[in-house]
Amino acid sequence: MAEPESGVRLWSEAGGSGGPLLLLLHGLGANATVWRGIAAIAASRWRGRWLAPDLRGHGRSGHRRPYAFGTHAADLAGLLDPGDEVNVLGHSMGGAVGMTLASGWFGLRVRQVIAFGVKLVWSESDIARARDFARTPTRWFATRDEAIERYLRVAGLAGLIDPDGPDAAIGIVEECGRFRLAADPATTEVVGPPIEDLVTAMRAPLRLAAGERDPMVTVDEMRRFDRNAAVIADAGHSPHVEAPERLWRLVEESLA
């Protein structure tokens, strides 16, 4: 657990030694446990360190608004050494946070951002629904099973991880015999900023990818920003959980 200058305590998991650093950024509503498969591969095939934090408002990290991309990026800058050579692998919201971190505004040397499953086009109704959800009070559940079912659905992990396992349990919190999601509902306020602005501000190469069954983004949308955008075969929105080996091959290809 680390406390950056923002005062929000961030939980992180890490492995490896030396450099460069592979920064693994989860998506909205999830936490660092989604990187188990990638971390297992990195243990033998990544030549430096890797770091997987629970972003502000998620998992085991502290809650405090605002939850903007820039706020998440500033939190991460507080965890890292300015001398680190950083490679970002980010899923969905985590990919957009990685793009923000690569702007050069946060004092870090970002070598490349590999972002997959990032929703690139937001309609007014998409944004309105997310902002409405951000204003909802915490929802409490009478049982652990109900809370875990909700967590897995919100995080896009239903059917992908064991609801009775320890990773699922990290997505919820028990208080006084009732249960809630570990993620702050207000984290959904992050949606909406034009991706064009993030890409324009980047000072590092961007590689985009998505599972071939990802409902959040299309190949044509990705190729507006990356003409070599990749499609990960037989995967949906969460290839880091569904197909970590295939995603890792994309990482090796992109960073070669």
Protein backbone atom coordinates (compact mmCIF):
# COMPACT_ATOMS: atom_id res chain seq x y z
CA MET A 1 0.00 0.00 0.00
CA ALA A 2 1.45 3.37 -1.02
CA GLU A 3 0.24 6.89 -0.32
CA PRO A 4 1.00 9.41 -3.09
CA GLU A 5 1.01 13.18 -2.57
CA SER A 6 -2.76 13.21 -3.21
CA GLY A 7 -3.26 11.51 0.15
CA VAL A 8 -5.23 8.62 -1.39
CA ARG A 9 -3.75 5.28 -0.48
CA LEU A 10 -3.19 3.07 -3.51
CA TRP A 11 -2.86 -0.70 -3.27
CA SER A 12 -0.54 -2.31 -5.79
CA GLU A 13 0.92 -5.68 -6.65
CA ALA A 14 4.39 -5.98 -8.16
CA GLY A 15 6.94 -8.43 -9.43
CA GLY A 16 10.22 -8.74 -11.29
CA SER A 17 13.28 -6.54 -10.84
CA GLY A 18 15.23 -3.87 -12.64
CA GLY A 19 13.92 -2.05 -15.68
CA PRO A 20 11.97 -1.33 -17.75
CA LEU A 21 8.67 -1.14 -15.90
CA LEU A 22 5.43 -2.64 -17.23
CA LEU A 23 2.51 -0.73 -15.72
CA LEU A 24 -0.75 -2.72 -15.76
CA LEU A 25 -3.90 -0.58 -15.51
CA HIS A 26 -7.29 -2.20 -15.00
CA GLY A 27 -10.64 -1.02 -16.33
CA LEU A 28 -13.59 0.72 -14.69
CA GLY A 29 -15.03 -1.19 -11.75
CA ALA A 30 -12.25 -3.81 -11.67
CA ASN A 31 -8.96 -4.05 -9.73
CA ALA A 32 -5.44 -5.43 -10.05
CA THR A 33 -6.53 -9.07 -9.69
CA VAL A 34 -7.56 -9.10 -13.37
CA TRP A 35 -3.85 -9.20 -14.26
CA ARG A 36 -3.14 -12.61 -12.66
CA GLY A 37 -2.71 -14.34 -16.02
CA ILE A 38 -0.50 -11.61 -17.47
CA ALA A 39 1.61 -11.43 -14.30
CA ALA A 40 2.21 -15.20 -14.45
CA ILE A 41 3.50 -14.84 -18.02
CA ALA A 42 5.56 -11.75 -17.19
CA ALA A 43 7.33 -13.67 -14.43
CA SER A 44 9.31 -15.57 -17.06
CA ARG A 45 9.07 -13.37 -20.16
CA TRP A 46 9.39 -9.76 -19.01
CA ARG A 47 12.94 -8.57 -18.42
CA GLY A 48 12.12 -5.85 -15.88
CA ARG A 49 9.53 -5.07 -13.23
CA TRP A 50 5.76 -4.99 -13.43
CA LEU A 51 3.33 -3.06 -11.28
CA ALA A 52 -0.46 -3.48 -11.09
CA PRO A 53 -2.26 -0.92 -8.89
CA ASP A 54 -5.86 -0.71 -7.80
CA LEU A 55 -6.74 2.73 -9.15
CA ARG A 56 -8.28 5.36 -6.89
CA GLY A 57 -11.82 4.37 -5.89
CA HIS A 58 -11.34 0.71 -6.84
CA GLY A 59 -10.55 -2.53 -5.04
CA ARG A 60 -8.32 -2.03 -2.02
CA SER A 61 -7.39 1.61 -2.74
CA GLY A 62 -8.89 4.67 -1.10
CA HIS A 63 -11.94 6.60 -2.28
CA ARG A 64 -11.78 10.30 -3.03
CA ARG A 65 -13.17 12.39 -5.84
CA PRO A 66 -12.40 13.50 -8.48
CA TYR A 67 -11.96 10.39 -10.60
CA ALA A 68 -10.76 12.09 -13.78
CA PHE A 69 -8.14 10.52 -16.07
CA GLY A 70 -5.71 13.22 -14.99
CA THR A 71 -6.31 12.46 -11.31
CA HIS A 72 -5.57 8.77 -11.84
CA ALA A 73 -2.44 9.67 -13.83
CA ALA A 74 -1.23 11.99 -11.06
CA ASP A 75 -1.78 9.22 -8.48
CA LEU A 76 0.35 6.86 -10.58
CA ALA A 77 3.09 9.44 -11.00
CA GLY A 78 3.26 9.59 -7.22
CA LEU A 79 3.94 5.83 -7.10
CA LEU A 80 6.70 5.78 -9.70
CA ASP A 81 10.26 7.01 -9.91
CA PRO A 82 10.77 9.77 -12.52
CA GLY A 83 13.73 7.74 -13.78
CA ASP A 84 11.59 4.72 -14.62
CA GLU A 85 11.18 3.74 -18.26
CA VAL A 86 7.45 3.00 -18.28
CA ASN A 87 5.52 0.79 -20.70
CA VAL A 88 1.77 0.88 -20.15
CA LEU A 89 -0.64 -1.99 -20.79
CA GLY A 90 -4.10 -0.64 -20.06
CA HIS A 91 -7.57 -2.12 -20.33
CA SER A 92 -10.59 0.05 -21.17
CA MET A 93 -10.51 3.01 -18.74
CA GLY A 94 -6.96 1.99 -17.79
CA GLY A 95 -5.92 2.44 -21.41
CA ALA A 96 -7.24 6.01 -21.38
CA VAL A 97 -5.41 6.67 -18.11
CA GLY A 98 -2.24 5.35 -19.75
CA MET A 99 -2.73 7.75 -22.68
CA THR A 100 -3.04 10.61 -20.19
CA LEU A 101 0.09 9.50 -18.35
CA ALA A 102 1.97 9.59 -21.69
CA SER A 103 1.25 13.30 -22.17
CA GLY A 104 4.51 14.26 -20.46
CA TRP A 105 2.59 16.39 -17.95
CA PHE A 106 3.32 14.04 -15.05
CA GLY A 107 7.11 13.89 -15.13
CA LEU A 108 7.41 10.29 -16.34
CA ARG A 109 9.15 8.73 -19.33
CA VAL A 110 6.48 6.63 -21.04
CA ARG A 111 7.96 4.53 -23.80
CA GLN A 112 4.71 3.15 -25.25
CA VAL A 113 1.04 2.71 -24.43
CA ILE A 114 -0.76 -0.49 -25.43
CA ALA A 115 -4.46 0.13 -24.83
CA PHE A 116 -7.10 -2.50 -25.45
CA GLY A 117 -10.85 -2.51 -25.11
CA VAL A 118 -10.98 1.30 -24.86
CA LYS A 119 -14.38 2.76 -25.71
CA LEU A 120 -13.53 5.49 -28.22
CA VAL A 121 -16.98 6.83 -29.08
CA TRP A 122 -19.32 8.04 -26.34
CA SER A 123 -22.87 9.10 -27.18
CA GLU A 124 -24.65 11.73 -25.12
CA SER A 125 -26.88 9.00 -23.68
CA ASP A 126 -23.82 6.90 -22.72
CA ILE A 127 -22.36 9.85 -20.85
CA ALA A 128 -25.67 10.74 -19.19
CA ARG A 129 -26.15 7.18 -17.90
CA ALA A 130 -22.61 7.09 -16.48
CA ARG A 131 -23.00 10.47 -14.79
CA ASP A 132 -26.37 9.43 -13.34
CA PHE A 133 -24.79 6.25 -11.94
CA ALA A 134 -21.96 8.30 -10.41
CA ARG A 135 -24.54 10.19 -8.37
CA THR A 136 -26.26 7.10 -6.97
CA PRO A 137 -25.75 6.20 -3.30
CA THR A 138 -23.86 3.09 -2.33
CA ARG A 139 -25.95 -0.01 -2.90
CA TRP A 140 -25.95 -2.58 -0.11
CA PHE A 141 -26.60 -6.30 -0.52
CA ALA A 142 -27.89 -8.74 2.05
CA THR A 143 -25.59 -11.58 0.98
CA ARG A 144 -22.05 -12.05 -0.26
CA ASP A 145 -23.25 -13.95 -3.31
CA GLU A 146 -25.52 -11.09 -4.41
CA ALA A 147 -22.72 -8.57 -4.05
CA ILE A 148 -20.22 -10.72 -5.95
CA GLU A 149 -22.71 -11.33 -8.74
CA ARG A 150 -23.15 -7.57 -9.10
CA TYR A 151 -19.40 -6.92 -8.95
CA LEU A 152 -18.63 -9.45 -11.67
CA ARG A 153 -21.33 -8.01 -13.91
CA VAL A 154 -20.22 -4.38 -13.39
CA ALA A 155 -16.55 -5.24 -13.94
CA GLY A 156 -17.25 -7.34 -17.05
CA LEU A 157 -15.96 -10.48 -15.37
CA ALA A 158 -19.11 -12.61 -15.16
CA GLY A 159 -18.27 -16.11 -16.32
CA LEU A 160 -14.55 -15.34 -16.44
CA ILE A 161 -13.47 -15.78 -12.82
CA ASP A 162 -14.65 -18.07 -10.04
CA PRO A 163 -17.32 -16.28 -7.98
CA ASP A 164 -16.26 -18.36 -4.96
CA GLY A 165 -12.56 -17.56 -5.36
CA PRO A 166 -10.38 -14.98 -3.59
CA ASP A 167 -10.14 -12.66 -6.60
CA ALA A 168 -13.90 -12.21 -6.72
CA ALA A 169 -13.97 -11.48 -2.99
CA ILE A 170 -11.63 -8.50 -3.47
CA GLY A 171 -14.35 -6.81 -5.50
CA ILE A 172 -16.66 -6.49 -2.50
CA VAL A 173 -16.54 -5.24 1.09
CA GLU A 174 -18.46 -6.49 4.13
CA GLU A 175 -19.58 -4.03 6.80
CA CYS A 176 -21.80 -4.91 9.75
CA GLY A 177 -23.14 -8.04 8.10
CA ARG A 178 -24.05 -6.46 4.78
CA PHE A 179 -22.09 -6.15 1.53
CA ARG A 180 -21.23 -3.50 -1.07
CA LEU A 181 -18.96 -3.26 -4.08
CA ALA A 182 -15.39 -2.21 -3.28
CA ALA A 183 -15.49 0.33 -6.13
CA ASP A 184 -16.98 3.76 -5.48
CA PRO A 185 -20.05 4.32 -7.74
CA ALA A 186 -18.68 7.81 -8.43
CA THR A 187 -15.78 6.35 -10.44
CA THR A 188 -18.06 6.30 -13.49
CA GLU A 189 -17.86 10.11 -13.66
CA VAL A 190 -14.59 9.61 -15.58
CA VAL A 191 -16.34 8.88 -18.87
CA GLY A 192 -16.80 11.34 -21.71
CA PRO A 193 -13.63 13.35 -22.45
CA PRO A 194 -12.86 13.21 -26.20
CA ILE A 195 -10.27 10.53 -26.90
CA GLU A 196 -8.94 12.76 -29.70
CA ASP A 197 -7.67 15.18 -27.05
CA LEU A 198 -5.85 12.44 -25.16
CA VAL A 199 -4.21 11.05 -28.30
CA THR A 200 -3.15 14.52 -29.47
CA ALA A 201 -1.47 15.19 -26.13
CA MET A 202 0.47 11.91 -26.09
CA ARG A 203 4.27 11.97 -26.37
CA ALA A 204 4.63 8.21 -26.82
CA PRO A 205 3.48 5.70 -29.45
CA LEU A 206 -0.02 4.28 -29.07
CA ARG A 207 -1.04 0.73 -29.95
CA LEU A 208 -4.75 -0.07 -29.88
CA ALA A 209 -6.33 -3.50 -29.73
CA ALA A 210 -9.59 -5.22 -28.88
CA GLY A 211 -11.04 -8.69 -28.70
CA GLU A 212 -12.89 -9.65 -31.87
CA ARG A 213 -16.12 -9.95 -29.83
CA ASP A 214 -15.68 -6.71 -27.88
CA PRO A 215 -18.98 -4.77 -27.99
CA MET A 216 -17.34 -1.55 -26.77
CA VAL A 217 -15.21 -0.66 -29.79
CA THR A 218 -14.89 -1.44 -33.50
CA VAL A 219 -11.86 -1.90 -35.71
CA ASP A 220 -12.80 1.16 -37.77
CA GLU A 221 -12.96 3.29 -34.63
CA MET A 222 -9.54 2.11 -33.51
CA ARG A 223 -7.94 2.66 -36.90
CA ARG A 224 -8.78 6.35 -36.77
CA PHE A 225 -5.97 6.54 -34.19
CA ASP A 226 -3.84 3.49 -34.97
CA ARG A 227 -3.82 2.18 -38.53
CA ASN A 228 -2.24 -1.05 -37.26
CA ALA A 229 -4.84 -1.63 -34.53
CA ALA A 230 -4.97 -5.30 -33.61
CA VAL A 231 -7.86 -7.72 -33.17
CA ILE A 232 -7.38 -10.48 -30.61
CA ALA A 233 -9.00 -13.65 -31.90
CA ASP A 234 -11.76 -15.40 -29.97
CA ALA A 235 -11.86 -12.83 -27.17
CA GLY A 236 -14.40 -10.35 -25.88
CA HIS A 237 -13.90 -7.19 -23.83
CA SER A 238 -11.40 -8.72 -21.37
CA PRO A 239 -8.67 -10.61 -23.27
CA HIS A 240 -6.25 -10.14 -20.36
CA VAL A 241 -8.53 -12.51 -18.42
CA GLU A 242 -9.92 -14.59 -21.31
CA ALA A 243 -6.78 -15.02 -23.43
CA PRO A 244 -3.67 -13.72 -21.62
CA GLU A 245 -1.24 -15.62 -23.85
CA ARG A 246 -2.68 -14.07 -27.01
CA LEU A 247 -2.60 -10.63 -25.43
CA TRP A 248 0.99 -11.17 -24.33
CA ARG A 249 2.04 -11.98 -27.88
CA LEU A 250 0.65 -8.57 -28.88
CA VAL A 251 2.68 -6.94 -26.09
CA GLU A 252 5.89 -8.62 -27.29
CA GLU A 253 5.17 -7.65 -30.88
CA SER A 254 4.38 -4.04 -29.95
CA LEU A 255 7.44 -3.56 -27.75
CA ALA A 256 9.91 -5.40 -29.96
